[in-house]
Amino acid sequence: MKLSSLEHLSAFALLGPGFGGGGFTLLRDLEEGGRGEPRLVFAEFERRGKDARVFGARAGAVEPLELDVDPPRLSVRLEEGDYYAAVARIREAIAAGDVYQVCHTVRARVGPATGAGLFAAMASRGAARFAAWVRLPGGPEFVSASPELFLATEGGTVRSEPMKGTARAGADGILRASAKDRAELAMITDLVRNDLTPVCRPRSVRVPHPRRFLHLPYAMQAVSDVAGDLLDGVTPLDVLDGLHPGGSVTGAPKRAALRMIAELEAGPRGPYCGALGLCRGDGCTFSLLIRTATRTEAGWVYGVGSGIVYDSEAEKELAELHVKLGGLGCGTPSSA
């Protein structure tokens, strides 16, 4: 199947190998509320997990996916706003004991590009594990190069792989040795453990790997693994409701972090930092929609963020945002 052939479709979801099957999957005939399988599940960042949109669909394997669209030379403009003041405000709240960590995000304006062109750019150095190009009935449309597994359920078990800590590609030693980044990941791992506890059997929530490393073409990421055994009768959507929005894109404690996000960020995140899932029976796999661009009336908007703790330095956090812009497959952007 040619990537360009999707542009004429009014609604579809092209999902990468991490969602299951080992290759790309194309979902067509999306029907919101449809009872067929597989099901596509989508929750924007601001939407409750229990209120996620669910679509019945017709699925087909894509073997192979032909990237017949040349990656465009993207124009990228990072809208930093008053970034230094936001970091200072979060550090003040941490010092006051109001919060421990806040994931603060900003937006980059990207354009011009078609959905196919943007997907090709993101996949120019290899498709991300949870690559996705989604156009939902009535909107929105977004393209994602997410490397993060939000949650997966299968056979009465659940696992999550929260990601916290980023360094540029090749800077392995810096990230491995960073006490700050280690502490950030530990906070979020504990938050995910707490979020899973109500839907899991007592004492079954565990952390098989407290810290490992994922190498991407443009960055190195620190990841932990959290797993548990689900209570009888708990559905994948129950688990989504318990975990959404993801701890790695909120901060800790979650409610306090969400209050600060609402105070400091210019507007809603929408699909960015939301959840996207493919479900077959009781088996569901959800990505966390980081490294994600959303089509708006003014063009594509791509979100980037980082976890702010008391030890954070605004200059270094801003440099991390530029590293994450590498998910677009482009060079260093301008700032505004």
C-alpha atoms as a PDB file:
ATOM      1  CA  MET A   1       0.000   0.000   0.000  1.00  0.00           C
ATOM      2  CA  LYS A   2       1.246   3.473  -0.868  1.00  0.00           C
ATOM      3  CA  LEU A   3       1.264   6.088   1.884  1.00  0.00           C
ATOM      4  CA  SER A   4      -0.051   8.706  -0.522  1.00  0.00           C
ATOM      5  CA  SER A   5      -3.197   6.651  -1.166  1.00  0.00           C
ATOM      6  CA  LEU A   6      -4.500   7.480   2.308  1.00  0.00           C
ATOM      7  CA  GLU A   7      -4.828  11.199   1.655  1.00  0.00           C
ATOM      8  CA  HIS A   8      -8.191  10.782  -0.102  1.00  0.00           C
ATOM      9  CA  LEU A   9      -9.758   8.810   2.771  1.00  0.00           C
ATOM     10  CA  SER A  10     -12.154  10.727   5.016  1.00  0.00           C
ATOM     11  CA  ALA A  11     -11.432   8.640   8.133  1.00  0.00           C
ATOM     12  CA  PHE A  12      -8.807   6.022   8.942  1.00  0.00           C
ATOM     13  CA  ALA A  13      -6.048   5.032  11.354  1.00  0.00           C
ATOM     14  CA  LEU A  14      -2.633   3.827  10.217  1.00  0.00           C
ATOM     15  CA  LEU A  15      -0.956   2.199  13.213  1.00  0.00           C
ATOM     16  CA  GLY A  16       2.664   1.140  13.658  1.00  0.00           C
ATOM     17  CA  PRO A  17       4.118  -2.214  14.726  1.00  0.00           C
ATOM     18  CA  GLY A  18       3.903  -1.531  18.469  1.00  0.00           C
ATOM     19  CA  PHE A  19       0.115  -1.784  18.382  1.00  0.00           C
ATOM     20  CA  GLY A  20       0.314  -5.484  17.477  1.00  0.00           C
ATOM     21  CA  GLY A  21       0.995  -7.756  14.557  1.00  0.00           C
ATOM     22  CA  GLY A  22       4.605  -6.778  13.976  1.00  0.00           C
ATOM     23  CA  GLY A  23       3.802  -4.537  10.998  1.00  0.00           C
ATOM     24  CA  PHE A  24       1.526  -1.661  10.077  1.00  0.00           C
ATOM     25  CA  THR A  25      -2.234  -1.977  10.492  1.00  0.00           C
ATOM     26  CA  LEU A  26      -4.799   0.093   8.620  1.00  0.00           C
ATOM     27  CA  LEU A  27      -8.211   0.649  10.193  1.00  0.00           C
ATOM     28  CA  ARG A  28     -11.004   1.775   7.875  1.00  0.00           C
ATOM     29  CA  ASP A  29     -14.768   2.272   8.118  1.00  0.00           C
ATOM     30  CA  LEU A  30     -14.418   3.867  11.535  1.00  0.00           C
ATOM     31  CA  GLU A  31     -17.804   4.010  13.261  1.00  0.00           C
ATOM     32  CA  GLU A  32     -17.999   5.784  16.585  1.00  0.00           C
ATOM     33  CA  GLY A  33     -19.804   3.583  19.079  1.00  0.00           C
ATOM     34  CA  GLY A  34     -19.590   0.641  16.682  1.00  0.00           C
ATOM     35  CA  ARG A  35     -19.532  -2.748  18.369  1.00  0.00           C
ATOM     36  CA  GLY A  36     -17.361  -4.528  15.845  1.00  0.00           C
ATOM     37  CA  GLU A  37     -13.748  -5.488  16.365  1.00  0.00           C
ATOM     38  CA  PRO A  38     -11.064  -4.385  16.338  1.00  0.00           C
ATOM     39  CA  ARG A  39     -11.815  -1.183  18.182  1.00  0.00           C
ATOM     40  CA  LEU A  40      -9.890   2.059  18.049  1.00  0.00           C
ATOM     41  CA  VAL A  41      -9.897   3.988  21.332  1.00  0.00           C
ATOM     42  CA  PHE A  42      -8.884   7.628  21.599  1.00  0.00           C
ATOM     43  CA  ALA A  43      -8.830  10.027  24.537  1.00  0.00           C
ATOM     44  CA  GLU A  44      -7.564  13.582  24.315  1.00  0.00           C
ATOM     45  CA  PHE A  45      -5.424  14.771  27.209  1.00  0.00           C
ATOM     46  CA  GLU A  46      -8.308  16.705  28.776  1.00  0.00           C
ATOM     47  CA  ARG A  47     -10.904  13.935  28.358  1.00  0.00           C
ATOM     48  CA  ARG A  48     -11.591  11.452  31.143  1.00  0.00           C
ATOM     49  CA  GLY A  49     -10.477   7.926  30.313  1.00  0.00           C
ATOM     50  CA  LYS A  50     -13.989   6.607  30.902  1.00  0.00           C
ATOM     51  CA  ASP A  51     -15.230   9.095  28.292  1.00  0.00           C
ATOM     52  CA  ALA A  52     -12.802   7.965  25.593  1.00  0.00           C
ATOM     53  CA  ARG A  53     -14.114   7.798  22.046  1.00  0.00           C
ATOM     54  CA  VAL A  54     -14.445   4.203  20.806  1.00  0.00           C
ATOM     55  CA  PHE A  55     -14.681   3.285  17.139  1.00  0.00           C
ATOM     56  CA  GLY A  56     -15.546  -0.017  15.548  1.00  0.00           C
ATOM     57  CA  ALA A  57     -13.418  -0.599  12.458  1.00  0.00           C
ATOM     58  CA  ARG A  58     -12.421  -2.885   9.645  1.00  0.00           C
ATOM     59  CA  ALA A  59      -8.740  -3.792   9.888  1.00  0.00           C
ATOM     60  CA  GLY A  60      -6.188  -4.976   7.398  1.00  0.00           C
ATOM     61  CA  ALA A  61      -2.470  -5.651   7.577  1.00  0.00           C
ATOM     62  CA  VAL A  62      -0.279  -3.371   5.482  1.00  0.00           C
ATOM     63  CA  GLU A  63       2.494  -5.403   3.880  1.00  0.00           C
ATOM     64  CA  PRO A  64       4.532  -3.489   3.009  1.00  0.00           C
ATOM     65  CA  LEU A  65       3.867   0.205   3.584  1.00  0.00           C
ATOM     66  CA  GLU A  66       5.449   2.096   0.700  1.00  0.00           C
ATOM     67  CA  LEU A  67       6.648   5.542   1.742  1.00  0.00           C
ATOM     68  CA  ASP A  68       6.129   7.012  -1.708  1.00  0.00           C
ATOM     69  CA  VAL A  69       6.046  10.606  -0.416  1.00  0.00           C
ATOM     70  CA  ASP A  70       9.314  12.523  -0.188  1.00  0.00           C
ATOM     71  CA  PRO A  71       9.822  13.930   3.322  1.00  0.00           C
ATOM     72  CA  PRO A  72       9.309  17.699   3.056  1.00  0.00           C
ATOM     73  CA  ARG A  73      11.747  20.283   4.366  1.00  0.00           C
ATOM     74  CA  LEU A  74       9.694  21.297   7.361  1.00  0.00           C
ATOM     75  CA  SER A  75       9.506  24.820   8.675  1.00  0.00           C
ATOM     76  CA  VAL A  76       9.451  24.525  12.475  1.00  0.00           C
ATOM     77  CA  ARG A  77       8.996  27.418  14.907  1.00  0.00           C
ATOM     78  CA  LEU A  78       9.084  26.706  18.628  1.00  0.00           C
ATOM     79  CA  GLU A  79       6.749  28.965  20.604  1.00  0.00           C
ATOM     80  CA  GLU A  80       8.592  29.191  23.908  1.00  0.00           C
ATOM     81  CA  GLY A  81       6.451  31.959  25.373  1.00  0.00           C
ATOM     82  CA  ASP A  82       7.587  32.938  28.874  1.00  0.00           C
ATOM     83  CA  TYR A  83       9.285  29.587  29.397  1.00  0.00           C
ATOM     84  CA  TYR A  84      11.783  30.769  32.021  1.00  0.00           C
ATOM     85  CA  ALA A  85       9.017  32.292  34.149  1.00  0.00           C
ATOM     86  CA  ALA A  86       6.999  29.062  33.942  1.00  0.00           C
ATOM     87  CA  VAL A  87       9.952  26.991  35.172  1.00  0.00           C
ATOM     88  CA  ALA A  88      10.522  29.478  37.997  1.00  0.00           C
ATOM     89  CA  ARG A  89       6.838  29.299  38.985  1.00  0.00           C
ATOM     90  CA  ILE A  90       6.953  25.482  39.126  1.00  0.00           C
ATOM     91  CA  ARG A  91      10.112  25.541  41.253  1.00  0.00           C
ATOM     92  CA  GLU A  92       8.380  27.941  43.647  1.00  0.00           C
ATOM     93  CA  ALA A  93       5.438  25.535  43.959  1.00  0.00           C
ATOM     94  CA  ILE A  94       7.804  22.636  44.610  1.00  0.00           C
ATOM     95  CA  ALA A  95       9.632  24.621  47.288  1.00  0.00           C
ATOM     96  CA  ALA A  96       6.261  25.361  48.906  1.00  0.00           C
ATOM     97  CA  GLY A  97       5.428  21.648  48.997  1.00  0.00           C
ATOM     98  CA  ASP A  98       2.505  21.971  46.590  1.00  0.00           C
ATOM     99  CA  VAL A  99       3.857  19.556  43.975  1.00  0.00           C
ATOM    100  CA  TYR A 100       6.951  17.424  43.306  1.00  0.00           C
ATOM    101  CA  GLN A 101       7.202  17.457  39.512  1.00  0.00           C
ATOM    102  CA  VAL A 102       5.278  19.096  36.657  1.00  0.00           C
ATOM    103  CA  CYS A 103       5.503  18.162  32.979  1.00  0.00           C
ATOM    104  CA  HIS A 104       5.419  21.562  31.311  1.00  0.00           C
ATOM    105  CA  THR A 105       4.819  21.632  27.552  1.00  0.00           C
ATOM    106  CA  VAL A 106       4.980  24.151  24.723  1.00  0.00           C
ATOM    107  CA  ARG A 107       4.101  23.994  21.020  1.00  0.00           C
ATOM    108  CA  ALA A 108       5.948  24.213  17.737  1.00  0.00           C
ATOM    109  CA  ARG A 109       4.288  25.444  14.550  1.00  0.00           C
ATOM    110  CA  VAL A 110       5.046  23.132  11.643  1.00  0.00           C
ATOM    111  CA  GLY A 111       4.329  23.667   8.011  1.00  0.00           C
ATOM    112  CA  PRO A 112       3.458  23.471   5.335  1.00  0.00           C
ATOM    113  CA  ALA A 113       2.923  19.711   4.997  1.00  0.00           C
ATOM    114  CA  THR A 114       0.297  17.145   4.140  1.00  0.00           C
ATOM    115  CA  GLY A 115      -0.468  14.357   6.590  1.00  0.00           C
ATOM    116  CA  ALA A 116       1.392  11.924   4.344  1.00  0.00           C
ATOM    117  CA  GLY A 117       4.363  14.262   4.122  1.00  0.00           C
ATOM    118  CA  LEU A 118       4.522  14.734   7.869  1.00  0.00           C
ATOM    119  CA  PHE A 119       4.302  10.977   8.447  1.00  0.00           C
ATOM    120  CA  ALA A 120       7.099  10.448   5.905  1.00  0.00           C
ATOM    121  CA  ALA A 121       9.256  13.048   7.663  1.00  0.00           C
ATOM    122  CA  MET A 122       8.736  11.412  11.058  1.00  0.00           C
ATOM    123  CA  ALA A 123       9.568   7.997   9.569  1.00  0.00           C
ATOM    124  CA  SER A 124      12.560   9.198   7.552  1.00  0.00           C
ATOM    125  CA  ARG A 125      15.010   7.539   9.982  1.00  0.00           C
ATOM    126  CA  GLY A 126      12.779   4.549  10.698  1.00  0.00           C
ATOM    127  CA  ALA A 127       9.183   4.350  11.852  1.00  0.00           C
ATOM    128  CA  ALA A 128       8.584   4.789  15.573  1.00  0.00           C
ATOM    129  CA  ARG A 129       7.249   1.838  17.549  1.00  0.00           C
ATOM    130  CA  PHE A 130       3.864   3.545  17.926  1.00  0.00           C
ATOM    131  CA  ALA A 131       3.854   5.502  14.701  1.00  0.00           C
ATOM    132  CA  ALA A 132       0.337   6.595  13.783  1.00  0.00           C
ATOM    133  CA  TRP A 133      -1.546   8.708  11.289  1.00  0.00           C
ATOM    134  CA  VAL A 134      -5.141   9.113  12.387  1.00  0.00           C
ATOM    135  CA  ARG A 135      -8.036  11.005  10.810  1.00  0.00           C
ATOM    136  CA  LEU A 136     -11.196  10.549  12.856  1.00  0.00           C
ATOM    137  CA  PRO A 137     -14.776  11.103  11.656  1.00  0.00           C
ATOM    138  CA  GLY A 138     -15.472  14.751  12.391  1.00  0.00           C
ATOM    139  CA  GLY A 139     -11.848  15.267  13.546  1.00  0.00           C
ATOM    140  CA  PRO A 140      -9.237  15.570  14.798  1.00  0.00           C
ATOM    141  CA  GLU A 141      -6.360  14.512  12.554  1.00  0.00           C
ATOM    142  CA  PHE A 142      -2.933  13.835  14.024  1.00  0.00           C
ATOM    143  CA  VAL A 143       0.392  12.202  13.180  1.00  0.00           C
ATOM    144  CA  SER A 144       2.471  10.598  15.911  1.00  0.00           C
ATOM    145  CA  ALA A 145       5.956   9.152  16.266  1.00  0.00           C
ATOM    146  CA  SER A 146       5.466   8.052  19.856  1.00  0.00           C
ATOM    147  CA  PRO A 147       7.995   5.646  21.373  1.00  0.00           C
ATOM    148  CA  GLU A 148       6.039   5.224  24.630  1.00  0.00           C
ATOM    149  CA  LEU A 149       3.766   2.345  25.623  1.00  0.00           C
ATOM    150  CA  PHE A 150       1.062   3.800  27.849  1.00  0.00           C
ATOM    151  CA  LEU A 151      -0.552   0.489  28.757  1.00  0.00           C
ATOM    152  CA  ALA A 152      -1.198  -2.977  27.395  1.00  0.00           C
ATOM    153  CA  THR A 153      -3.626  -5.598  28.707  1.00  0.00           C
ATOM    154  CA  GLU A 154      -3.622  -9.278  27.842  1.00  0.00           C
ATOM    155  CA  GLY A 155      -4.680 -12.456  29.632  1.00  0.00           C
ATOM    156  CA  GLY A 156      -5.614 -10.707  32.866  1.00  0.00           C
ATOM    157  CA  THR A 157      -2.373  -8.742  33.136  1.00  0.00           C
ATOM    158  CA  VAL A 158      -1.445  -5.127  32.520  1.00  0.00           C
ATOM    159  CA  ARG A 159       1.873  -3.426  31.880  1.00  0.00           C
ATOM    160  CA  SER A 160       2.992   0.149  31.426  1.00  0.00           C
ATOM    161  CA  GLU A 161       6.331   1.607  30.351  1.00  0.00           C
ATOM    162  CA  PRO A 162       6.560   5.184  31.650  1.00  0.00           C
ATOM    163  CA  MET A 163       9.325   7.254  30.085  1.00  0.00           C
ATOM    164  CA  LYS A 164      11.144  10.035  31.902  1.00  0.00           C
ATOM    165  CA  GLY A 165      14.621  11.336  31.192  1.00  0.00           C
ATOM    166  CA  THR A 166      15.935  12.394  27.790  1.00  0.00           C
ATOM    167  CA  ALA A 167      19.364  13.069  26.320  1.00  0.00           C
ATOM    168  CA  ARG A 168      20.531  13.718  22.796  1.00  0.00           C
ATOM    169  CA  ALA A 169      21.626  10.695  20.802  1.00  0.00           C
ATOM    170  CA  GLY A 170      25.103   9.610  21.806  1.00  0.00           C
ATOM    171  CA  ALA A 171      24.950  11.197  25.269  1.00  0.00           C
ATOM    172  CA  ASP A 172      24.441   7.849  27.016  1.00  0.00           C
ATOM    173  CA  GLY A 173      26.825   8.571  29.872  1.00  0.00           C
ATOM    174  CA  ILE A 174      25.163  11.864  30.787  1.00  0.00           C
ATOM    175  CA  LEU A 175      21.695  10.329  31.132  1.00  0.00           C
ATOM    176  CA  ARG A 176      22.896   7.202  32.930  1.00  0.00           C
ATOM    177  CA  ALA A 177      24.758   9.273  35.508  1.00  0.00           C
ATOM    178  CA  SER A 178      22.074  11.921  36.058  1.00  0.00           C
ATOM    179  CA  ALA A 179      20.659  11.757  39.590  1.00  0.00           C
ATOM    180  CA  LYS A 180      18.009  14.310  38.597  1.00  0.00           C
ATOM    181  CA  ASP A 181      16.720  12.195  35.712  1.00  0.00           C
ATOM    182  CA  ARG A 182      16.822   9.070  37.864  1.00  0.00           C
ATOM    183  CA  ALA A 183      14.684  10.810  40.494  1.00  0.00           C
ATOM    184  CA  GLU A 184      12.196  12.028  37.846  1.00  0.00           C
ATOM    185  CA  LEU A 185      11.665   8.499  36.561  1.00  0.00           C
ATOM    186  CA  ALA A 186      11.346   7.099  40.101  1.00  0.00           C
ATOM    187  CA  MET A 187       8.587   9.615  40.904  1.00  0.00           C
ATOM    188  CA  ILE A 188       6.594   8.752  37.800  1.00  0.00           C
ATOM    189  CA  THR A 189       7.131   5.007  38.210  1.00  0.00           C
ATOM    190  CA  ASP A 190       5.685   5.271  41.713  1.00  0.00           C
ATOM    191  CA  LEU A 191       2.757   7.302  40.372  1.00  0.00           C
ATOM    192  CA  VAL A 192       1.965   4.605  37.775  1.00  0.00           C
ATOM    193  CA  ARG A 193       2.178   1.933  40.497  1.00  0.00           C
ATOM    194  CA  ASN A 194      -0.357   3.882  42.535  1.00  0.00           C
ATOM    195  CA  ASP A 195      -2.648   4.377  39.518  1.00  0.00           C
ATOM    196  CA  LEU A 196      -2.607   0.639  38.778  1.00  0.00           C
ATOM    197  CA  THR A 197      -3.230  -0.501  42.349  1.00  0.00           C
ATOM    198  CA  PRO A 198      -7.051   0.026  42.373  1.00  0.00           C
ATOM    199  CA  VAL A 199      -7.539  -2.150  39.256  1.00  0.00           C
ATOM    200  CA  CYS A 200      -5.056  -4.891  40.183  1.00  0.00           C
ATOM    201  CA  ARG A 201      -5.002  -7.770  42.626  1.00  0.00           C
ATOM    202  CA  PRO A 202      -3.549  -6.898  46.026  1.00  0.00           C
ATOM    203  CA  ARG A 203       0.262  -6.923  46.093  1.00  0.00           C
ATOM    204  CA  SER A 204       0.477  -7.904  42.410  1.00  0.00           C
ATOM    205  CA  VAL A 205       1.768  -4.542  41.121  1.00  0.00           C
ATOM    206  CA  ARG A 206       5.496  -4.804  40.541  1.00  0.00           C
ATOM    207  CA  VAL A 207       8.381  -3.065  38.776  1.00  0.00           C
ATOM    208  CA  PRO A 208      10.339  -5.674  36.782  1.00  0.00           C
ATOM    209  CA  HIS A 209      12.792  -3.051  35.481  1.00  0.00           C
ATOM    210  CA  PRO A 210      13.104   0.206  37.439  1.00  0.00           C
ATOM    211  CA  ARG A 211      15.317   1.848  34.802  1.00  0.00           C
ATOM    212  CA  ARG A 212      16.410   0.867  31.312  1.00  0.00           C
ATOM    213  CA  PHE A 213      17.295   2.836  28.223  1.00  0.00           C
ATOM    214  CA  LEU A 214      15.735   3.220  24.804  1.00  0.00           C
ATOM    215  CA  HIS A 215      17.827   4.422  21.872  1.00  0.00           C
ATOM    216  CA  LEU A 216      16.054   6.539  19.240  1.00  0.00           C
ATOM    217  CA  PRO A 217      17.633   8.079  16.127  1.00  0.00           C
ATOM    218  CA  TYR A 218      17.559  11.535  17.726  1.00  0.00           C
ATOM    219  CA  ALA A 219      17.549  10.812  21.480  1.00  0.00           C
ATOM    220  CA  MET A 220      18.110   8.406  24.342  1.00  0.00           C
ATOM    221  CA  GLN A 221      15.240   7.854  26.785  1.00  0.00           C
ATOM    222  CA  ALA A 222      15.023   6.331  30.268  1.00  0.00           C
ATOM    223  CA  VAL A 223      12.123   3.912  30.769  1.00  0.00           C
ATOM    224  CA  SER A 224      10.772   1.742  33.574  1.00  0.00           C
ATOM    225  CA  ASP A 225       8.463  -1.284  33.429  1.00  0.00           C
ATOM    226  CA  VAL A 226       5.424  -1.570  35.704  1.00  0.00           C
ATOM    227  CA  ALA A 227       3.132  -4.620  35.658  1.00  0.00           C
ATOM    228  CA  GLY A 228       0.188  -6.060  37.572  1.00  0.00           C
ATOM    229  CA  ASP A 229      -2.514  -8.736  37.597  1.00  0.00           C
ATOM    230  CA  LEU A 230      -5.971  -7.320  36.940  1.00  0.00           C
ATOM    231  CA  LEU A 231      -8.915  -7.836  39.237  1.00  0.00           C
ATOM    232  CA  ASP A 232     -11.726 -10.014  37.891  1.00  0.00           C
ATOM    233  CA  GLY A 233     -14.125  -8.021  35.747  1.00  0.00           C
ATOM    234  CA  VAL A 234     -11.762  -5.121  35.104  1.00  0.00           C
ATOM    235  CA  THR A 235     -11.827  -4.090  31.448  1.00  0.00           C
ATOM    236  CA  PRO A 236      -9.134  -2.335  29.412  1.00  0.00           C
ATOM    237  CA  LEU A 237     -11.235   0.835  29.499  1.00  0.00           C
ATOM    238  CA  ASP A 238     -11.327   0.612  33.304  1.00  0.00           C
ATOM    239  CA  VAL A 239      -7.531   0.537  33.272  1.00  0.00           C
ATOM    240  CA  LEU A 240      -7.422   3.477  30.879  1.00  0.00           C
ATOM    241  CA  ASP A 241      -9.695   5.439  33.187  1.00  0.00           C
ATOM    242  CA  GLY A 242      -7.365   4.733  36.107  1.00  0.00           C
ATOM    243  CA  LEU A 243      -4.162   5.776  34.343  1.00  0.00           C
ATOM    244  CA  HIS A 244      -5.231   8.586  32.003  1.00  0.00           C
ATOM    245  CA  PRO A 245      -3.757  11.142  31.616  1.00  0.00           C
ATOM    246  CA  GLY A 246      -0.381   9.445  31.799  1.00  0.00           C
ATOM    247  CA  GLY A 247       1.895  10.238  34.704  1.00  0.00           C
ATOM    248  CA  SER A 248       4.896  10.871  32.485  1.00  0.00           C
ATOM    249  CA  VAL A 249       3.071  13.806  30.855  1.00  0.00           C
ATOM    250  CA  THR A 250       1.496  15.244  34.006  1.00  0.00           C
ATOM    251  CA  GLY A 251       3.868  15.066  36.976  1.00  0.00           C
ATOM    252  CA  ALA A 252       3.322  14.147  40.596  1.00  0.00           C
ATOM    253  CA  PRO A 253       1.098  14.234  42.522  1.00  0.00           C
ATOM    254  CA  LYS A 254      -1.113  14.101  39.446  1.00  0.00           C
ATOM    255  CA  ARG A 255      -3.955  16.378  40.573  1.00  0.00           C
ATOM    256  CA  ALA A 256      -1.598  19.091  41.769  1.00  0.00           C
ATOM    257  CA  ALA A 257       0.436  18.828  38.575  1.00  0.00           C
ATOM    258  CA  LEU A 258      -2.726  19.107  36.450  1.00  0.00           C
ATOM    259  CA  ARG A 259      -3.695  22.295  38.264  1.00  0.00           C
ATOM    260  CA  MET A 260      -0.322  23.834  37.411  1.00  0.00           C
ATOM    261  CA  ILE A 261      -0.558  22.681  33.806  1.00  0.00           C
ATOM    262  CA  ALA A 262      -3.918  24.442  33.497  1.00  0.00           C
ATOM    263  CA  GLU A 263      -2.425  27.566  35.067  1.00  0.00           C
ATOM    264  CA  LEU A 264       0.738  27.777  32.968  1.00  0.00           C
ATOM    265  CA  GLU A 265       0.041  26.347  29.522  1.00  0.00           C
ATOM    266  CA  ALA A 266      -1.438  28.516  26.797  1.00  0.00           C
ATOM    267  CA  GLY A 267      -4.280  26.174  25.872  1.00  0.00           C
ATOM    268  CA  PRO A 268      -5.520  22.581  25.864  1.00  0.00           C
ATOM    269  CA  ARG A 269      -3.171  19.861  24.647  1.00  0.00           C
ATOM    270  CA  GLY A 270      -5.877  17.963  22.753  1.00  0.00           C
ATOM    271  CA  PRO A 271      -4.540  14.792  21.089  1.00  0.00           C
ATOM    272  CA  TYR A 272      -0.986  15.606  22.194  1.00  0.00           C
ATOM    273  CA  CYS A 273      -0.295  13.689  25.432  1.00  0.00           C
ATOM    274  CA  GLY A 274      -3.573  11.814  25.014  1.00  0.00           C
ATOM    275  CA  ALA A 275      -4.018   8.051  24.553  1.00  0.00           C
ATOM    276  CA  LEU A 276      -4.503   5.974  21.399  1.00  0.00           C
ATOM    277  CA  GLY A 277      -5.380   2.291  21.606  1.00  0.00           C
ATOM    278  CA  LEU A 278      -6.122  -0.741  19.464  1.00  0.00           C
ATOM    279  CA  CYS A 279      -8.303  -3.366  21.150  1.00  0.00           C
ATOM    280  CA  ARG A 280      -9.117  -6.932  20.173  1.00  0.00           C
ATOM    281  CA  GLY A 281     -11.136  -8.765  22.824  1.00  0.00           C
ATOM    282  CA  ASP A 282      -9.525  -8.180  26.230  1.00  0.00           C
ATOM    283  CA  GLY A 283      -6.190  -7.405  24.594  1.00  0.00           C
ATOM    284  CA  CYS A 284      -5.534  -3.692  24.166  1.00  0.00           C
ATOM    285  CA  THR A 285      -2.397  -1.704  23.427  1.00  0.00           C
ATOM    286  CA  PHE A 286      -2.273   2.046  24.025  1.00  0.00           C
ATOM    287  CA  SER A 287       0.396   4.521  23.074  1.00  0.00           C
ATOM    288  CA  LEU A 288       0.955   7.767  24.915  1.00  0.00           C
ATOM    289  CA  LEU A 289       0.680  10.444  22.244  1.00  0.00           C
ATOM    290  CA  ILE A 290       3.985  12.220  22.687  1.00  0.00           C
ATOM    291  CA  ARG A 291       5.999  13.310  19.601  1.00  0.00           C
ATOM    292  CA  THR A 292       2.629  14.136  18.066  1.00  0.00           C
ATOM    293  CA  ALA A 293       1.448  16.808  15.638  1.00  0.00           C
ATOM    294  CA  THR A 294      -2.193  17.857  15.314  1.00  0.00           C
ATOM    295  CA  ARG A 295      -3.731  19.559  12.287  1.00  0.00           C
ATOM    296  CA  THR A 296      -5.396  22.871  13.147  1.00  0.00           C
ATOM    297  CA  GLU A 297      -6.946  25.615  11.024  1.00  0.00           C
ATOM    298  CA  ALA A 298      -3.618  27.434  11.225  1.00  0.00           C
ATOM    299  CA  GLY A 299      -1.554  24.356  10.269  1.00  0.00           C
ATOM    300  CA  TRP A 300       0.194  21.577  12.142  1.00  0.00           C
ATOM    301  CA  VAL A 301       1.061  21.997  15.843  1.00  0.00           C
ATOM    302  CA  TYR A 302       3.624  19.713  17.500  1.00  0.00           C
ATOM    303  CA  GLY A 303       3.978  19.480  21.278  1.00  0.00           C
ATOM    304  CA  VAL A 304       7.155  19.093  23.324  1.00  0.00           C
ATOM    305  CA  GLY A 305       7.623  19.057  27.070  1.00  0.00           C
ATOM    306  CA  SER A 306       9.813  18.011  29.964  1.00  0.00           C
ATOM    307  CA  GLY A 307       9.455  17.190  33.631  1.00  0.00           C
ATOM    308  CA  ILE A 308      10.328  20.129  35.861  1.00  0.00           C
ATOM    309  CA  VAL A 309      11.688  19.337  39.329  1.00  0.00           C
ATOM    310  CA  TYR A 310      13.344  21.625  41.858  1.00  0.00           C
ATOM    311  CA  ASP A 311      16.793  20.848  40.419  1.00  0.00           C
ATOM    312  CA  SER A 312      15.707  21.850  36.913  1.00  0.00           C
ATOM    313  CA  GLU A 313      17.543  24.591  35.053  1.00  0.00           C
ATOM    314  CA  ALA A 314      15.453  26.351  32.426  1.00  0.00           C
ATOM    315  CA  GLU A 315      18.292  26.425  29.869  1.00  0.00           C
ATOM    316  CA  LYS A 316      18.792  22.668  30.071  1.00  0.00           C
ATOM    317  CA  GLU A 317      15.062  21.944  29.985  1.00  0.00           C
ATOM    318  CA  LEU A 318      14.739  24.109  26.881  1.00  0.00           C
ATOM    319  CA  ALA A 319      17.601  22.192  25.266  1.00  0.00           C
ATOM    320  CA  GLU A 320      15.681  18.971  25.973  1.00  0.00           C
ATOM    321  CA  LEU A 321      12.681  20.359  24.096  1.00  0.00           C
ATOM    322  CA  HIS A 322      14.892  20.904  21.063  1.00  0.00           C
ATOM    323  CA  VAL A 323      16.100  17.300  21.287  1.00  0.00           C
ATOM    324  CA  LYS A 324      12.492  16.095  21.224  1.00  0.00           C
ATOM    325  CA  LEU A 325      11.804  18.160  18.119  1.00  0.00           C
ATOM    326  CA  GLY A 326      14.012  15.553  16.448  1.00  0.00           C
ATOM    327  CA  GLY A 327      10.934  13.343  16.345  1.00  0.00           C
ATOM    328  CA  LEU A 328       9.858  15.460  13.365  1.00  0.00           C
ATOM    329  CA  GLY A 329      12.897  14.261  11.454  1.00  0.00           C
ATOM    330  CA  CYS A 330      14.127  17.846  11.002  1.00  0.00           C
ATOM    331  CA  GLY A 331      17.044  19.963  12.096  1.00  0.00           C
ATOM    332  CA  THR A 332      17.238  22.687  14.716  1.00  0.00           C
ATOM    333  CA  PRO A 333      14.165  24.940  14.586  1.00  0.00           C
ATOM    334  CA  SER A 334      13.835  28.647  15.084  1.00  0.00           C
ATOM    335  CA  SER A 335      12.213  30.027  18.235  1.00  0.00           C
ATOM    336  CA  ALA A 336       9.523  32.586  18.855  1.00  0.00           C
END
